[in-house]
Protein backbone atom coordinates (compact mmCIF):
# COMPACT_ATOMS: atom_id res chain seq x y z
CA MET A 1 0.00 0.00 0.00
CA GLY A 2 1.20 3.51 -0.75
CA LYS A 3 0.08 7.01 -1.59
CA HIS A 4 -1.35 7.18 -5.10
CA LYS A 5 -3.13 9.68 -7.31
CA ASP A 6 -6.57 8.54 -8.49
CA LEU A 7 -6.72 9.74 -12.11
CA GLU A 8 -9.58 9.48 -14.58
CA LEU A 9 -10.02 10.17 -18.29
CA ASP A 10 -13.29 10.68 -20.14
CA VAL A 11 -12.39 9.36 -23.58
CA LEU A 12 -15.38 11.06 -25.22
CA LYS A 13 -13.98 14.50 -24.30
CA LEU A 14 -10.75 13.89 -26.20
CA PRO A 15 -10.23 15.25 -29.70
CA LEU A 16 -9.91 12.58 -32.37
CA VAL A 17 -6.23 11.81 -32.78
CA GLU A 18 -4.32 9.57 -35.10
CA PHE A 19 -2.97 6.37 -33.56
CA VAL A 20 0.53 6.86 -32.14
CA LYS A 21 3.03 5.21 -34.48
CA VAL A 22 6.52 4.27 -33.35
CA LYS A 23 9.02 3.12 -35.97
CA GLY A 24 9.66 -0.61 -35.66
CA LEU A 25 7.18 -1.13 -32.81
CA GLN A 26 4.88 -4.13 -33.10
CA LEU A 27 1.93 -4.37 -30.70
CA ARG A 28 0.24 -7.66 -29.95
CA TYR A 29 -1.75 -9.44 -27.30
CA PHE A 30 -0.01 -11.47 -24.61
CA ASN A 31 0.15 -15.25 -25.18
CA LYS A 32 0.43 -16.97 -21.80
CA ASP A 33 2.12 -20.07 -23.22
CA GLN A 34 4.82 -18.13 -25.09
CA ASP A 35 5.20 -14.89 -23.14
CA ALA A 36 4.70 -15.60 -19.41
CA LYS A 37 8.39 -15.78 -18.48
CA ALA A 38 9.41 -12.79 -20.61
CA LEU A 39 6.54 -10.68 -19.24
CA ALA A 40 7.36 -11.63 -15.63
CA ASP A 41 11.06 -10.80 -16.15
CA LEU A 42 10.30 -7.45 -17.80
CA PHE A 43 7.61 -6.54 -15.24
CA ASN A 44 9.97 -7.28 -12.34
CA THR A 45 12.85 -5.33 -13.89
CA ILE A 46 10.69 -2.28 -14.57
CA TRP A 47 8.84 -2.46 -11.26
CA LYS A 48 12.12 -2.51 -9.29
CA GLU A 49 13.08 0.76 -11.02
CA SER A 50 9.73 2.39 -10.26
CA SER A 51 8.68 4.21 -7.15
CA GLY A 52 5.70 1.94 -6.57
CA PRO A 53 5.19 -0.43 -3.66
CA GLU A 54 7.27 -3.59 -3.58
CA MET A 55 5.73 -6.17 -5.89
CA THR A 56 6.78 -9.01 -8.19
CA LEU A 57 5.10 -11.00 -10.93
CA SER A 58 5.83 -14.72 -11.03
CA GLU A 59 5.76 -16.68 -14.27
CA ALA A 60 2.90 -18.76 -12.81
CA ARG A 61 0.87 -15.63 -12.00
CA ALA A 62 1.61 -14.20 -15.46
CA ARG A 63 0.06 -17.35 -16.99
CA GLU A 64 -3.17 -16.51 -15.13
CA LEU A 65 -3.51 -13.05 -16.70
CA PRO A 66 -6.31 -12.67 -19.28
CA GLU A 67 -4.55 -12.60 -22.64
CA ASN A 68 -6.87 -9.90 -24.00
CA ARG A 69 -5.99 -7.55 -21.11
CA VAL A 70 -2.23 -7.43 -21.76
CA ILE A 71 -0.69 -5.72 -24.77
CA LEU A 72 2.99 -6.25 -25.49
CA GLY A 73 5.31 -3.98 -27.44
CA GLU A 74 8.21 -5.46 -29.40
CA ILE A 75 11.01 -3.97 -31.44
CA ASP A 76 13.11 -6.32 -33.58
CA GLY A 77 11.52 -9.29 -31.80
CA GLN A 78 12.56 -8.04 -28.33
CA LEU A 79 9.91 -7.36 -25.69
CA VAL A 80 10.30 -3.68 -24.79
CA GLY A 81 7.06 -2.85 -23.00
CA PHE A 82 3.63 -3.85 -21.80
CA VAL A 83 0.31 -2.44 -20.67
CA ILE A 84 -1.93 -4.44 -18.34
CA PHE A 85 -5.49 -3.14 -18.26
CA ASP A 86 -8.81 -4.30 -16.90
CA LEU A 87 -12.45 -3.41 -16.29
CA LEU A 88 -13.88 -2.29 -12.98
CA GLU A 89 -17.19 -1.05 -11.67
CA GLU A 90 -17.29 2.17 -9.69
CA GLU A 91 -20.48 3.79 -8.42
CA GLY A 92 -22.53 1.59 -10.77
CA GLU A 93 -20.51 2.57 -13.84
CA LYS A 94 -18.18 0.31 -15.81
CA LYS A 95 -14.76 1.83 -16.36
CA GLY A 96 -11.44 0.73 -17.75
CA ILE A 97 -8.30 0.81 -15.65
CA PHE A 98 -4.67 0.90 -16.70
CA ARG A 99 -3.18 -1.27 -13.97
CA PHE A 100 0.44 -1.26 -15.17
CA ILE A 101 2.33 0.35 -18.04
CA GLY A 102 6.03 -0.34 -18.39
CA VAL A 103 8.79 0.26 -20.93
CA ARG A 104 12.42 -0.86 -20.74
CA LYS A 105 14.59 2.03 -19.55
CA GLU A 106 16.65 2.16 -22.75
CA TYR A 107 13.47 2.50 -24.87
CA ARG A 108 11.75 5.24 -22.86
CA GLY A 109 11.05 8.59 -24.47
CA ARG A 110 10.05 7.02 -27.81
CA LYS A 111 6.26 7.15 -27.26
CA ILE A 112 6.07 3.36 -26.79
CA ALA A 113 3.95 3.70 -23.64
CA SER A 114 1.66 6.10 -25.51
CA ALA A 115 1.22 3.68 -28.41
CA MET A 116 0.41 0.77 -26.06
CA ALA A 117 -2.00 2.89 -24.00
CA PHE A 118 -3.81 4.09 -27.13
CA ARG A 119 -4.18 0.48 -28.28
CA ALA A 120 -5.59 -0.54 -24.87
CA GLY A 121 -7.93 2.46 -25.04
CA GLU A 122 -9.22 1.28 -28.42
CA ASP A 123 -9.97 -2.12 -26.90
CA LEU A 124 -11.84 -0.51 -24.00
CA LEU A 125 -13.91 1.58 -26.42
CA ARG A 126 -14.92 -1.65 -28.21
CA PHE A 127 -16.31 -2.82 -24.85
CA GLY A 128 -18.31 0.42 -24.64
CA ILE A 129 -16.03 1.83 -21.95
CA THR A 130 -15.62 5.60 -22.14
CA LYS A 131 -13.97 6.33 -18.79
CA VAL A 132 -10.53 5.05 -17.89
CA LYS A 133 -8.80 5.21 -14.49
CA SER A 134 -5.26 4.78 -13.33
CA PHE A 135 -3.79 4.84 -9.84
CA ILE A 136 -0.27 6.26 -10.03
CA PRO A 137 2.20 6.38 -7.12
CA GLU A 138 2.63 10.06 -6.24
CA LYS A 139 6.43 9.65 -6.44
CA ASN A 140 6.26 8.35 -10.03
CA THR A 141 6.49 11.70 -11.78
CA GLU A 142 7.25 10.09 -15.17
CA ALA A 143 3.97 8.14 -15.12
CA LEU A 144 2.04 11.16 -13.84
CA LYS A 145 3.38 13.21 -16.77
CA LEU A 146 2.32 10.48 -19.22
CA MET A 147 -1.20 10.36 -17.79
CA ASN A 148 -1.39 14.16 -17.83
CA PHE A 149 -0.37 14.07 -21.51
CA PHE A 150 -3.33 11.77 -22.20
CA GLY A 151 -5.71 14.15 -20.44
CA PHE A 152 -6.26 12.24 -17.19
CA GLU A 153 -7.58 14.43 -14.39
CA LYS A 154 -6.81 13.96 -10.71
CA LYS A 155 -9.85 12.86 -8.72
CA LYS A 156 -8.25 12.42 -5.30
CA ASP A 157 -5.24 11.19 -3.33
CA LEU A 158 -5.62 7.74 -1.81
CA GLU A 159 -3.86 4.76 -0.28
CA TYR A 160 -3.83 1.99 -2.87
CA THR A 161 -2.30 -1.45 -3.32
CA PRO A 162 -1.75 -2.36 -7.00
CA LYS A 163 -3.50 -5.51 -8.25
CA LEU A 164 -3.21 -7.65 -11.33
CA PRO A 165 -6.36 -8.60 -13.24
CA SER A 166 -7.70 -12.11 -12.71
């Protein structure tokens, strides 16, 4: 548990924008049989570098993730990032939630996180979801800047323990 910012985005208030394209970046859904170890390794590497609460992802737990709720980013066949998203219900309204977004340190600043988040947002829109949340550790200024770029607005400060979708 740690201090987080509760952020929310109303997708319908955003101007129409062209999909973020990153040279050489391939986006695809997670395949638990092929990707569980690589996702767990990347998640743990990125999470150690973050300012979030202590947390690890085991290969076994990665295999339990819904494949259609994890988008992977690859460049030249190497896994460089991921977004893990989910659905939640809040005050009787279904919303999307970006649970985790991570990019290898050496690939940051190339709009990879933006491209993955836009792709996840497209998926959420297909489910009829127009509001998306994210709980960002208040110390993680990089992630807060990214969410601000997307148009997320702060709702409140809260104590939050990150969870993986099941």
